């Protein structure tokens, strides 16, 4: 049976104890196909940890401030979108393989190198970390609905 999985919450609505990571296959911009090795297997892979709504809100809150509008003198919400994106990227990306630096040497996965990734790759990683996942489960894992008289 096909279902939709929210990877950060268990069936009781509590934070999930174990969270499954997702592998993101980086694609070539021109073809839209994953970079592959000679055997046809994806060669550029980023492992991504799902980000819960709570963690997302905490990151946004850390980069939100209210400043007075000089004309109206009302407080206006200001978000540092770049800082929010950087924090989300740091939280989402666990590690990678197949990424090299300008010197053609393997690029170590650190907070600084995560932020140095191209914008489209960072955006894809954050989008994957924030969304649910399609999943296949056995129908027997669902209980019968309650009968209400």
Foldseek 3Di string as FASTA:
>chain_A
DKDWFDQQADPVRHGDPDGDKDKDFDADPVPRHGPADPVRHRFKIWIWAADDPVNLVVLFVVFWDWDQDPVPRDTDIDGPVLSSLLVLLQRTTDFIGDDADPVRHRDGDDSVVSSVDDPVVSVVSSVVNHGIDMDDDDPVVDDDDDDDD
